[in-house]
Amino acid sequence: MRFFTPLSPKESEQKVVLDSRICGLGSCFAQTIGDRLNYYKWPTTINPFGVVFHPLAIESLLDRAVNERFFVKEDLYQSGDLFHALAVNASFAHHSSAALIRALNDQLLILRAGLVSATHILLTFGTAYCFRLKTTGQAVGNCHKLPQALFEKELLSVEQINNSMARTLSLIRAINPKAQVILTVSPVRHLKDGMVENNRSKSQLLTAVHQVVGQWPQALYFPAYELMMDVLRDYRFYKADMIHPSEEAQDFIWEHFCNTVVDPQMQPLLQEIATIQQGLAHRPIHPERAAHQDFKVKLEERIAKLQERHPHIKF
């Protein structure tokens, strides 16, 4: 008896191996995968500007990084005593415009370096809705909780999304033509837009993504959205907010991600790293006991032996 419909994603021909480096941009699902990759000690550059949700925002940041278009004061929006960088996450706001510009350009250099060195680039699109600043018509990455009257909401068309994704892939190819690009649509539901509107948004993204993947040989689609909506398809796999996938759902999607992208020969090493991570996370009730001290010595020996084989792995 079968209680769910299985899904077998298309495997990547360019697998993630020991010396792979991953750069990721997009919604919080990119951060979720990035956190798992960090856990297993792969070098990563994930969302240096915080989470961004729509294709135009991702394209804008890549354009800046690839073409070294550094932030200047004209790129900021002042509201009261704060300067905001609307192109990026709301965490980028400051009382000093100079300090904010320095922080933004530091992150831009980090993103550029991550793109140049990446073997795999993960792009996760969360929504087809974007907001434009009414005074300029410029699409923003985040509204920074500024008054809604300043912005106009727009549902991007499939053609707009397709063109933006194509420009994004062209930028990646210009700076790193050998990188495998993994495209995903986030399984996180944007219910603030409304249930019907969220489904419209996701469908626009899915249509455009598959058009682009068909045109770009270095692009691979990973079906995170379908794994959540069509395989798990149950509210018990959501967190209490009924928006974000639960830890169990994240584990399930991560397992499929590994099967799709990660070299199977990495599995013994991943298990060894996981065992060490679990040991490091252990918090004893009585740390002074001899048994715990012995546990710490053995754990340090295990780390030392692993690092003899793989010096680049740091705990």
C-alpha atoms as a PDB file:
ATOM      1  CA  MET A   1       0.000   0.000   0.000  1.00  0.00           C
ATOM      2  CA  ARG A   2       1.345   3.426  -0.970  1.00  0.00           C
ATOM      3  CA  PHE A   3       0.365   6.540   0.992  1.00  0.00           C
ATOM      4  CA  PHE A   4       2.078   9.195  -1.114  1.00  0.00           C
ATOM      5  CA  THR A   5       3.143   9.833  -4.685  1.00  0.00           C
ATOM      6  CA  PRO A   6       6.929   9.452  -5.017  1.00  0.00           C
ATOM      7  CA  LEU A   7       8.995  11.996  -6.923  1.00  0.00           C
ATOM      8  CA  SER A   8      12.467  11.341  -8.329  1.00  0.00           C
ATOM      9  CA  PRO A   9      14.173  14.623  -9.258  1.00  0.00           C
ATOM     10  CA  LYS A  10      16.506  14.707 -12.253  1.00  0.00           C
ATOM     11  CA  GLU A  11      20.061  14.185 -11.016  1.00  0.00           C
ATOM     12  CA  SER A  12      22.776  16.733 -11.562  1.00  0.00           C
ATOM     13  CA  GLU A  13      25.586  15.701 -13.873  1.00  0.00           C
ATOM     14  CA  GLN A  14      27.931  17.986 -11.934  1.00  0.00           C
ATOM     15  CA  LYS A  15      27.825  16.610  -8.404  1.00  0.00           C
ATOM     16  CA  VAL A  16      28.766  18.400  -5.200  1.00  0.00           C
ATOM     17  CA  VAL A  17      32.015  16.806  -3.998  1.00  0.00           C
ATOM     18  CA  LEU A  18      34.529  17.398  -1.225  1.00  0.00           C
ATOM     19  CA  ASP A  19      36.081  20.576  -2.649  1.00  0.00           C
ATOM     20  CA  SER A  20      32.867  22.096  -4.045  1.00  0.00           C
ATOM     21  CA  ARG A  21      31.903  25.654  -3.153  1.00  0.00           C
ATOM     22  CA  ILE A  22      28.291  26.815  -3.123  1.00  0.00           C
ATOM     23  CA  CYS A  23      26.851  30.296  -3.573  1.00  0.00           C
ATOM     24  CA  GLY A  24      23.148  30.839  -2.910  1.00  0.00           C
ATOM     25  CA  LEU A  25      20.704  33.703  -3.351  1.00  0.00           C
ATOM     26  CA  GLY A  26      16.993  34.056  -2.836  1.00  0.00           C
ATOM     27  CA  SER A  27      14.282  33.294  -0.332  1.00  0.00           C
ATOM     28  CA  CYS A  28      14.677  31.698   3.087  1.00  0.00           C
ATOM     29  CA  PHE A  29      14.711  28.263   1.438  1.00  0.00           C
ATOM     30  CA  ALA A  30      18.143  29.144   0.001  1.00  0.00           C
ATOM     31  CA  GLN A  31      19.162  29.911   3.583  1.00  0.00           C
ATOM     32  CA  THR A  32      17.762  26.570   4.767  1.00  0.00           C
ATOM     33  CA  ILE A  33      19.806  24.617   2.221  1.00  0.00           C
ATOM     34  CA  GLY A  34      22.811  26.843   2.940  1.00  0.00           C
ATOM     35  CA  ASP A  35      22.596  26.084   6.650  1.00  0.00           C
ATOM     36  CA  ARG A  36      22.618  22.337   5.894  1.00  0.00           C
ATOM     37  CA  LEU A  37      25.638  22.746   3.617  1.00  0.00           C
ATOM     38  CA  ASN A  38      27.410  24.732   6.340  1.00  0.00           C
ATOM     39  CA  TYR A  39      26.595  22.010   8.857  1.00  0.00           C
ATOM     40  CA  TYR A  40      28.484  19.551   6.664  1.00  0.00           C
ATOM     41  CA  LYS A  41      31.361  22.010   6.292  1.00  0.00           C
ATOM     42  CA  TRP A  42      31.106  22.948   2.637  1.00  0.00           C
ATOM     43  CA  PRO A  43      32.376  26.495   1.933  1.00  0.00           C
ATOM     44  CA  THR A  44      29.304  28.591   1.204  1.00  0.00           C
ATOM     45  CA  THR A  45      28.279  32.147   0.415  1.00  0.00           C
ATOM     46  CA  ILE A  46      24.550  32.328   1.133  1.00  0.00           C
ATOM     47  CA  ASN A  47      22.453  35.495   0.926  1.00  0.00           C
ATOM     48  CA  PRO A  48      25.081  38.042   1.984  1.00  0.00           C
ATOM     49  CA  PHE A  49      22.369  40.707   1.592  1.00  0.00           C
ATOM     50  CA  GLY A  50      19.766  38.691   3.516  1.00  0.00           C
ATOM     51  CA  VAL A  51      16.796  36.950   1.943  1.00  0.00           C
ATOM     52  CA  VAL A  52      15.335  38.378  -1.262  1.00  0.00           C
ATOM     53  CA  PHE A  53      12.218  36.969  -2.819  1.00  0.00           C
ATOM     54  CA  HIS A  54      11.483  37.907  -6.409  1.00  0.00           C
ATOM     55  CA  PRO A  55      13.475  37.441  -9.649  1.00  0.00           C
ATOM     56  CA  LEU A  56      14.146  41.130 -10.289  1.00  0.00           C
ATOM     57  CA  ALA A  57      15.735  41.544  -6.842  1.00  0.00           C
ATOM     58  CA  ILE A  58      18.028  38.556  -7.409  1.00  0.00           C
ATOM     59  CA  GLU A  59      18.968  39.795 -10.872  1.00  0.00           C
ATOM     60  CA  SER A  60      19.738  43.277  -9.533  1.00  0.00           C
ATOM     61  CA  LEU A  61      22.161  41.974  -6.893  1.00  0.00           C
ATOM     62  CA  LEU A  62      23.910  39.683  -9.366  1.00  0.00           C
ATOM     63  CA  ASP A  63      24.226  42.553 -11.831  1.00  0.00           C
ATOM     64  CA  ARG A  64      25.851  44.704  -9.162  1.00  0.00           C
ATOM     65  CA  ALA A  65      28.267  41.948  -8.137  1.00  0.00           C
ATOM     66  CA  VAL A  66      29.250  40.870 -11.645  1.00  0.00           C
ATOM     67  CA  ASN A  67      29.631  44.388 -13.036  1.00  0.00           C
ATOM     68  CA  GLU A  68      31.045  45.836  -9.793  1.00  0.00           C
ATOM     69  CA  ARG A  69      28.339  48.475  -9.546  1.00  0.00           C
ATOM     70  CA  PHE A  70      29.019  49.552  -6.004  1.00  0.00           C
ATOM     71  CA  PHE A  71      26.380  51.224  -3.856  1.00  0.00           C
ATOM     72  CA  VAL A  72      26.424  55.023  -3.594  1.00  0.00           C
ATOM     73  CA  LYS A  73      24.319  57.443  -1.589  1.00  0.00           C
ATOM     74  CA  GLU A  74      21.851  57.824  -4.469  1.00  0.00           C
ATOM     75  CA  ASP A  75      20.965  54.131  -4.025  1.00  0.00           C
ATOM     76  CA  LEU A  76      19.674  54.774  -0.499  1.00  0.00           C
ATOM     77  CA  TYR A  77      16.240  55.907   0.650  1.00  0.00           C
ATOM     78  CA  GLN A  78      16.014  58.188   3.663  1.00  0.00           C
ATOM     79  CA  SER A  79      13.051  57.990   6.000  1.00  0.00           C
ATOM     80  CA  GLY A  80      13.249  60.035   9.173  1.00  0.00           C
ATOM     81  CA  ASP A  81      16.679  59.553  10.722  1.00  0.00           C
ATOM     82  CA  LEU A  82      17.347  56.227   8.960  1.00  0.00           C
ATOM     83  CA  PHE A  83      18.865  55.426   5.591  1.00  0.00           C
ATOM     84  CA  HIS A  84      17.521  52.277   3.903  1.00  0.00           C
ATOM     85  CA  ALA A  85      18.871  50.118   1.082  1.00  0.00           C
ATOM     86  CA  LEU A  86      15.638  49.029  -0.568  1.00  0.00           C
ATOM     87  CA  ALA A  87      17.469  46.710  -2.976  1.00  0.00           C
ATOM     88  CA  VAL A  88      18.266  44.329  -0.117  1.00  0.00           C
ATOM     89  CA  ASN A  89      16.897  42.899   3.116  1.00  0.00           C
ATOM     90  CA  ALA A  90      15.440  45.205   5.780  1.00  0.00           C
ATOM     91  CA  SER A  91      18.405  44.506   8.065  1.00  0.00           C
ATOM     92  CA  PHE A  92      20.383  46.965   5.912  1.00  0.00           C
ATOM     93  CA  ALA A  93      19.355  50.273   7.436  1.00  0.00           C
ATOM     94  CA  HIS A  94      21.509  52.715   9.381  1.00  0.00           C
ATOM     95  CA  HIS A  95      21.589  56.198  10.873  1.00  0.00           C
ATOM     96  CA  SER A  96      24.768  56.897   8.875  1.00  0.00           C
ATOM     97  CA  SER A  97      24.621  56.743   5.086  1.00  0.00           C
ATOM     98  CA  ALA A  98      28.401  56.307   4.900  1.00  0.00           C
ATOM     99  CA  ALA A  99      28.355  53.366   7.300  1.00  0.00           C
ATOM    100  CA  LEU A 100      25.509  51.739   5.400  1.00  0.00           C
ATOM    101  CA  ILE A 101      27.287  52.143   2.063  1.00  0.00           C
ATOM    102  CA  ARG A 102      30.461  50.596   3.493  1.00  0.00           C
ATOM    103  CA  ALA A 103      28.472  47.612   4.831  1.00  0.00           C
ATOM    104  CA  LEU A 104      26.679  47.132   1.515  1.00  0.00           C
ATOM    105  CA  ASN A 105      29.856  47.258  -0.548  1.00  0.00           C
ATOM    106  CA  ASP A 106      31.639  44.875   1.806  1.00  0.00           C
ATOM    107  CA  GLN A 107      28.825  42.387   1.214  1.00  0.00           C
ATOM    108  CA  LEU A 108      28.944  43.052  -2.529  1.00  0.00           C
ATOM    109  CA  LEU A 109      32.597  41.997  -2.580  1.00  0.00           C
ATOM    110  CA  ILE A 110      31.715  38.874  -0.597  1.00  0.00           C
ATOM    111  CA  LEU A 111      28.990  38.010  -3.100  1.00  0.00           C
ATOM    112  CA  ARG A 112      31.287  38.601  -6.068  1.00  0.00           C
ATOM    113  CA  ALA A 113      33.998  36.390  -4.570  1.00  0.00           C
ATOM    114  CA  GLY A 114      31.416  33.697  -3.839  1.00  0.00           C
ATOM    115  CA  LEU A 115      30.144  33.787  -7.416  1.00  0.00           C
ATOM    116  CA  VAL A 116      33.645  33.631  -8.913  1.00  0.00           C
ATOM    117  CA  SER A 117      34.728  30.628  -6.823  1.00  0.00           C
ATOM    118  CA  ALA A 118      31.441  28.686  -6.819  1.00  0.00           C
ATOM    119  CA  THR A 119      31.125  25.272  -8.396  1.00  0.00           C
ATOM    120  CA  HIS A 120      27.359  25.408  -7.784  1.00  0.00           C
ATOM    121  CA  ILE A 121      25.039  28.418  -7.597  1.00  0.00           C
ATOM    122  CA  LEU A 122      21.623  27.965  -5.983  1.00  0.00           C
ATOM    123  CA  LEU A 123      18.869  30.454  -6.875  1.00  0.00           C
ATOM    124  CA  THR A 124      15.573  30.186  -4.993  1.00  0.00           C
ATOM    125  CA  PHE A 125      12.595  32.259  -6.138  1.00  0.00           C
ATOM    126  CA  GLY A 126       9.927  32.873  -3.518  1.00  0.00           C
ATOM    127  CA  THR A 127       7.298  35.015  -5.235  1.00  0.00           C
ATOM    128  CA  ALA A 128       6.374  36.602  -8.545  1.00  0.00           C
ATOM    129  CA  TYR A 129       5.078  39.693  -6.737  1.00  0.00           C
ATOM    130  CA  CYS A 130       7.348  42.700  -6.496  1.00  0.00           C
ATOM    131  CA  PHE A 131       6.980  46.209  -5.141  1.00  0.00           C
ATOM    132  CA  ARG A 132       8.067  49.318  -7.006  1.00  0.00           C
ATOM    133  CA  LEU A 133       8.915  52.642  -5.448  1.00  0.00           C
ATOM    134  CA  LYS A 134       6.296  54.993  -6.890  1.00  0.00           C
ATOM    135  CA  THR A 135       8.637  57.951  -7.225  1.00  0.00           C
ATOM    136  CA  THR A 136      11.111  56.078  -9.451  1.00  0.00           C
ATOM    137  CA  GLY A 137       9.332  52.935 -10.665  1.00  0.00           C
ATOM    138  CA  GLN A 138      12.329  50.921  -9.447  1.00  0.00           C
ATOM    139  CA  ALA A 139      11.602  47.387  -8.227  1.00  0.00           C
ATOM    140  CA  VAL A 140      12.766  47.010  -4.632  1.00  0.00           C
ATOM    141  CA  GLY A 141      14.039  43.910  -2.891  1.00  0.00           C
ATOM    142  CA  ASN A 142      12.334  44.787   0.371  1.00  0.00           C
ATOM    143  CA  CYS A 143       9.962  47.520   1.550  1.00  0.00           C
ATOM    144  CA  HIS A 144      11.707  47.858   4.943  1.00  0.00           C
ATOM    145  CA  LYS A 145       8.307  48.276   6.659  1.00  0.00           C
ATOM    146  CA  LEU A 146       8.022  51.756   5.191  1.00  0.00           C
ATOM    147  CA  PRO A 147       4.521  53.147   4.514  1.00  0.00           C
ATOM    148  CA  GLN A 148       2.654  51.072   1.937  1.00  0.00           C
ATOM    149  CA  ALA A 149       1.616  54.243   0.112  1.00  0.00           C
ATOM    150  CA  LEU A 150       5.203  54.638  -1.106  1.00  0.00           C
ATOM    151  CA  PHE A 151       5.012  51.443  -3.177  1.00  0.00           C
ATOM    152  CA  GLU A 152       3.012  49.875  -5.952  1.00  0.00           C
ATOM    153  CA  LYS A 153       2.526  46.090  -5.955  1.00  0.00           C
ATOM    154  CA  GLU A 154       2.921  44.203  -9.223  1.00  0.00           C
ATOM    155  CA  LEU A 155       2.510  40.572 -10.257  1.00  0.00           C
ATOM    156  CA  LEU A 156       5.319  39.917 -12.713  1.00  0.00           C
ATOM    157  CA  SER A 157       4.285  38.222 -15.949  1.00  0.00           C
ATOM    158  CA  VAL A 158       5.812  34.952 -17.100  1.00  0.00           C
ATOM    159  CA  GLU A 159       7.615  36.894 -19.843  1.00  0.00           C
ATOM    160  CA  GLN A 160       9.068  39.381 -17.345  1.00  0.00           C
ATOM    161  CA  ILE A 161      10.249  36.558 -15.081  1.00  0.00           C
ATOM    162  CA  ASN A 162      11.645  34.572 -17.998  1.00  0.00           C
ATOM    163  CA  ASN A 163      13.605  37.572 -19.257  1.00  0.00           C
ATOM    164  CA  SER A 164      14.913  38.349 -15.778  1.00  0.00           C
ATOM    165  CA  MET A 165      16.030  34.757 -15.177  1.00  0.00           C
ATOM    166  CA  ALA A 166      17.716  34.660 -18.586  1.00  0.00           C
ATOM    167  CA  ARG A 167      19.616  37.863 -17.772  1.00  0.00           C
ATOM    168  CA  THR A 168      20.573  36.370 -14.402  1.00  0.00           C
ATOM    169  CA  LEU A 169      21.978  33.245 -16.043  1.00  0.00           C
ATOM    170  CA  SER A 170      23.851  35.392 -18.576  1.00  0.00           C
ATOM    171  CA  LEU A 171      25.462  37.303 -15.707  1.00  0.00           C
ATOM    172  CA  ILE A 172      26.503  34.049 -14.039  1.00  0.00           C
ATOM    173  CA  ARG A 173      27.903  32.692 -17.287  1.00  0.00           C
ATOM    174  CA  ALA A 174      29.914  35.904 -17.746  1.00  0.00           C
ATOM    175  CA  ILE A 175      31.614  35.608 -14.358  1.00  0.00           C
ATOM    176  CA  ASN A 176      31.702  31.818 -13.897  1.00  0.00           C
ATOM    177  CA  PRO A 177      30.791  29.812 -17.013  1.00  0.00           C
ATOM    178  CA  LYS A 178      31.636  26.431 -15.424  1.00  0.00           C
ATOM    179  CA  ALA A 179      29.264  26.728 -12.446  1.00  0.00           C
ATOM    180  CA  GLN A 180      26.219  24.473 -12.219  1.00  0.00           C
ATOM    181  CA  VAL A 181      23.144  26.648 -11.605  1.00  0.00           C
ATOM    182  CA  ILE A 182      20.392  25.041  -9.527  1.00  0.00           C
ATOM    183  CA  LEU A 183      17.010  26.774  -9.773  1.00  0.00           C
ATOM    184  CA  THR A 184      14.255  26.201  -7.229  1.00  0.00           C
ATOM    185  CA  VAL A 185      10.869  27.641  -6.369  1.00  0.00           C
ATOM    186  CA  SER A 186      10.543  28.054  -2.632  1.00  0.00           C
ATOM    187  CA  PRO A 187       8.081  25.754  -0.840  1.00  0.00           C
ATOM    188  CA  VAL A 188       7.367  28.555   1.653  1.00  0.00           C
ATOM    189  CA  ARG A 189       3.851  29.909   1.127  1.00  0.00           C
ATOM    190  CA  HIS A 190       3.398  33.694   0.844  1.00  0.00           C
ATOM    191  CA  LEU A 191      -0.046  33.786   2.421  1.00  0.00           C
ATOM    192  CA  LYS A 192       0.113  37.517   3.123  1.00  0.00           C
ATOM    193  CA  ASP A 193      -0.592  37.879  -0.584  1.00  0.00           C
ATOM    194  CA  GLY A 194      -3.638  35.609  -0.188  1.00  0.00           C
ATOM    195  CA  MET A 195      -4.107  31.910  -0.923  1.00  0.00           C
ATOM    196  CA  VAL A 196      -5.250  32.370  -4.531  1.00  0.00           C
ATOM    197  CA  GLU A 197      -2.645  35.057  -5.165  1.00  0.00           C
ATOM    198  CA  ASN A 198       0.124  32.829  -3.743  1.00  0.00           C
ATOM    199  CA  ASN A 199      -0.843  30.049  -6.132  1.00  0.00           C
ATOM    200  CA  ARG A 200      -0.896  32.470  -9.069  1.00  0.00           C
ATOM    201  CA  SER A 201       2.537  33.719  -8.061  1.00  0.00           C
ATOM    202  CA  LYS A 202       4.051  30.245  -7.749  1.00  0.00           C
ATOM    203  CA  SER A 203       2.566  29.163 -11.075  1.00  0.00           C
ATOM    204  CA  GLN A 204       4.142  32.161 -12.817  1.00  0.00           C
ATOM    205  CA  LEU A 205       7.519  31.266 -11.339  1.00  0.00           C
ATOM    206  CA  LEU A 206       7.221  27.579 -12.215  1.00  0.00           C
ATOM    207  CA  THR A 207       6.286  28.278 -15.823  1.00  0.00           C
ATOM    208  CA  ALA A 208       9.169  30.708 -16.305  1.00  0.00           C
ATOM    209  CA  VAL A 209      11.725  28.492 -14.541  1.00  0.00           C
ATOM    210  CA  HIS A 210      10.958  25.525 -16.770  1.00  0.00           C
ATOM    211  CA  GLN A 211      11.152  27.663 -19.894  1.00  0.00           C
ATOM    212  CA  VAL A 212      14.581  28.905 -18.823  1.00  0.00           C
ATOM    213  CA  VAL A 213      15.878  25.457 -17.833  1.00  0.00           C
ATOM    214  CA  GLY A 214      14.940  24.209 -21.282  1.00  0.00           C
ATOM    215  CA  GLN A 215      17.085  26.916 -22.867  1.00  0.00           C
ATOM    216  CA  TRP A 216      20.173  26.817 -20.619  1.00  0.00           C
ATOM    217  CA  PRO A 217      22.153  23.529 -20.455  1.00  0.00           C
ATOM    218  CA  GLN A 218      23.999  24.544 -17.261  1.00  0.00           C
ATOM    219  CA  ALA A 219      20.712  25.093 -15.379  1.00  0.00           C
ATOM    220  CA  LEU A 220      19.059  22.347 -13.332  1.00  0.00           C
ATOM    221  CA  TYR A 221      15.625  22.518 -11.705  1.00  0.00           C
ATOM    222  CA  PHE A 222      15.313  21.032  -8.216  1.00  0.00           C
ATOM    223  CA  PRO A 223      11.631  20.448  -7.286  1.00  0.00           C
ATOM    224  CA  ALA A 224      11.578  21.657  -3.686  1.00  0.00           C
ATOM    225  CA  TYR A 225       8.123  23.129  -4.229  1.00  0.00           C
ATOM    226  CA  GLU A 226       6.686  19.880  -5.611  1.00  0.00           C
ATOM    227  CA  LEU A 227       8.245  17.808  -2.835  1.00  0.00           C
ATOM    228  CA  MET A 228       6.430  19.957  -0.284  1.00  0.00           C
ATOM    229  CA  MET A 229       3.125  20.449  -2.077  1.00  0.00           C
ATOM    230  CA  ASP A 230       2.681  17.155  -3.935  1.00  0.00           C
ATOM    231  CA  VAL A 231       4.657  14.531  -2.013  1.00  0.00           C
ATOM    232  CA  LEU A 232       4.257  15.612   1.625  1.00  0.00           C
ATOM    233  CA  ARG A 233       1.014  17.606   1.038  1.00  0.00           C
ATOM    234  CA  ASP A 234      -0.056  17.589   4.692  1.00  0.00           C
ATOM    235  CA  TYR A 235      -0.303  20.365   7.290  1.00  0.00           C
ATOM    236  CA  ARG A 236       1.622  18.278   9.821  1.00  0.00           C
ATOM    237  CA  PHE A 237       4.721  19.031   7.744  1.00  0.00           C
ATOM    238  CA  TYR A 238       4.401  22.770   8.393  1.00  0.00           C
ATOM    239  CA  LYS A 239       5.556  24.782  11.368  1.00  0.00           C
ATOM    240  CA  ALA A 240       2.923  26.335  13.617  1.00  0.00           C
ATOM    241  CA  ASP A 241       2.628  29.335  11.291  1.00  0.00           C
ATOM    242  CA  MET A 242       1.302  27.014   8.523  1.00  0.00           C
ATOM    243  CA  ILE A 243       3.713  28.794   6.154  1.00  0.00           C
ATOM    244  CA  HIS A 244       7.200  27.353   6.627  1.00  0.00           C
ATOM    245  CA  PRO A 245       8.159  23.669   6.247  1.00  0.00           C
ATOM    246  CA  SER A 246       8.738  21.856   9.525  1.00  0.00           C
ATOM    247  CA  GLU A 247      12.096  20.360  10.509  1.00  0.00           C
ATOM    248  CA  GLU A 248      10.862  16.972   9.268  1.00  0.00           C
ATOM    249  CA  ALA A 249       9.905  18.482   5.913  1.00  0.00           C
ATOM    250  CA  GLN A 250      13.257  20.240   5.664  1.00  0.00           C
ATOM    251  CA  ASP A 251      15.014  16.930   6.378  1.00  0.00           C
ATOM    252  CA  PHE A 252      12.941  15.232   3.671  1.00  0.00           C
ATOM    253  CA  ILE A 253      13.734  17.903   1.069  1.00  0.00           C
ATOM    254  CA  TRP A 254      17.411  17.946   2.084  1.00  0.00           C
ATOM    255  CA  GLU A 255      17.589  14.154   1.609  1.00  0.00           C
ATOM    256  CA  HIS A 256      16.249  14.551  -1.940  1.00  0.00           C
ATOM    257  CA  PHE A 257      18.634  17.442  -2.546  1.00  0.00           C
ATOM    258  CA  CYS A 258      21.557  15.218  -1.553  1.00  0.00           C
ATOM    259  CA  ASN A 259      20.323  12.402  -3.781  1.00  0.00           C
ATOM    260  CA  THR A 260      20.040  14.850  -6.662  1.00  0.00           C
ATOM    261  CA  VAL A 261      23.141  17.003  -6.295  1.00  0.00           C
ATOM    262  CA  VAL A 262      25.643  15.435  -3.860  1.00  0.00           C
ATOM    263  CA  ASP A 263      28.101  12.729  -4.931  1.00  0.00           C
ATOM    264  CA  PRO A 264      27.015   9.444  -3.242  1.00  0.00           C
ATOM    265  CA  GLN A 265      30.640   8.766  -2.292  1.00  0.00           C
ATOM    266  CA  MET A 266      30.370  11.709   0.124  1.00  0.00           C
ATOM    267  CA  GLN A 267      27.883   9.890   2.361  1.00  0.00           C
ATOM    268  CA  PRO A 268      30.397   8.235   4.761  1.00  0.00           C
ATOM    269  CA  LEU A 269      32.131  11.575   5.319  1.00  0.00           C
ATOM    270  CA  LEU A 270      28.799  13.350   5.854  1.00  0.00           C
ATOM    271  CA  GLN A 271      27.833  10.777   8.456  1.00  0.00           C
ATOM    272  CA  GLU A 272      31.177  11.231  10.204  1.00  0.00           C
ATOM    273  CA  ILE A 273      30.732  15.024  10.269  1.00  0.00           C
ATOM    274  CA  ALA A 274      27.158  14.644  11.556  1.00  0.00           C
ATOM    275  CA  THR A 275      28.370  12.426  14.413  1.00  0.00           C
ATOM    276  CA  ILE A 276      30.973  15.018  15.392  1.00  0.00           C
ATOM    277  CA  GLN A 277      28.440  17.852  15.151  1.00  0.00           C
ATOM    278  CA  GLN A 278      26.066  15.944  17.426  1.00  0.00           C
ATOM    279  CA  GLY A 279      28.891  15.447  19.906  1.00  0.00           C
ATOM    280  CA  LEU A 280      29.771  19.137  19.851  1.00  0.00           C
ATOM    281  CA  ALA A 281      26.117  20.048  20.391  1.00  0.00           C
ATOM    282  CA  HIS A 282      25.818  17.767  23.443  1.00  0.00           C
ATOM    283  CA  ARG A 283      25.251  19.689  26.686  1.00  0.00           C
ATOM    284  CA  PRO A 284      25.904  17.483  29.739  1.00  0.00           C
ATOM    285  CA  ILE A 285      24.049  17.902  33.007  1.00  0.00           C
ATOM    286  CA  HIS A 286      27.280  17.264  34.941  1.00  0.00           C
ATOM    287  CA  PRO A 287      30.216  18.435  32.780  1.00  0.00           C
ATOM    288  CA  GLU A 288      32.731  17.816  35.556  1.00  0.00           C
ATOM    289  CA  ARG A 289      32.147  14.042  35.599  1.00  0.00           C
ATOM    290  CA  ALA A 290      34.926  11.752  34.392  1.00  0.00           C
ATOM    291  CA  ALA A 291      32.643  10.153  31.824  1.00  0.00           C
ATOM    292  CA  HIS A 292      32.076  13.496  30.110  1.00  0.00           C
ATOM    293  CA  GLN A 293      35.757  14.383  30.201  1.00  0.00           C
ATOM    294  CA  ASP A 294      36.511  11.058  28.524  1.00  0.00           C
ATOM    295  CA  PHE A 295      33.813  11.807  25.937  1.00  0.00           C
ATOM    296  CA  LYS A 296      35.447  15.186  25.168  1.00  0.00           C
ATOM    297  CA  VAL A 297      38.895  13.624  24.712  1.00  0.00           C
ATOM    298  CA  LYS A 298      37.563  10.996  22.308  1.00  0.00           C
ATOM    299  CA  LEU A 299      35.618  13.638  20.374  1.00  0.00           C
ATOM    300  CA  GLU A 300      38.735  15.794  20.011  1.00  0.00           C
ATOM    301  CA  GLU A 301      40.675  12.752  18.794  1.00  0.00           C
ATOM    302  CA  ARG A 302      37.979  12.036  16.221  1.00  0.00           C
ATOM    303  CA  ILE A 303      38.096  15.650  14.998  1.00  0.00           C
ATOM    304  CA  ALA A 304      41.902  15.539  14.782  1.00  0.00           C
ATOM    305  CA  LYS A 305      41.838  12.338  12.702  1.00  0.00           C
ATOM    306  CA  LEU A 306      39.229  13.799  10.351  1.00  0.00           C
ATOM    307  CA  GLN A 307      41.234  16.994   9.906  1.00  0.00           C
ATOM    308  CA  GLU A 308      44.380  14.980   9.147  1.00  0.00           C
ATOM    309  CA  ARG A 309      42.545  13.592   6.121  1.00  0.00           C
ATOM    310  CA  HIS A 310      40.704  16.819   5.275  1.00  0.00           C
ATOM    311  CA  PRO A 311      42.652  19.844   6.627  1.00  0.00           C
ATOM    312  CA  HIS A 312      40.162  22.352   5.187  1.00  0.00           C
ATOM    313  CA  ILE A 313      37.345  21.138   7.467  1.00  0.00           C
ATOM    314  CA  LYS A 314      37.108  23.356  10.547  1.00  0.00           C
ATOM    315  CA  PHE A 315      34.875  22.884  13.596  1.00  0.00           C
END
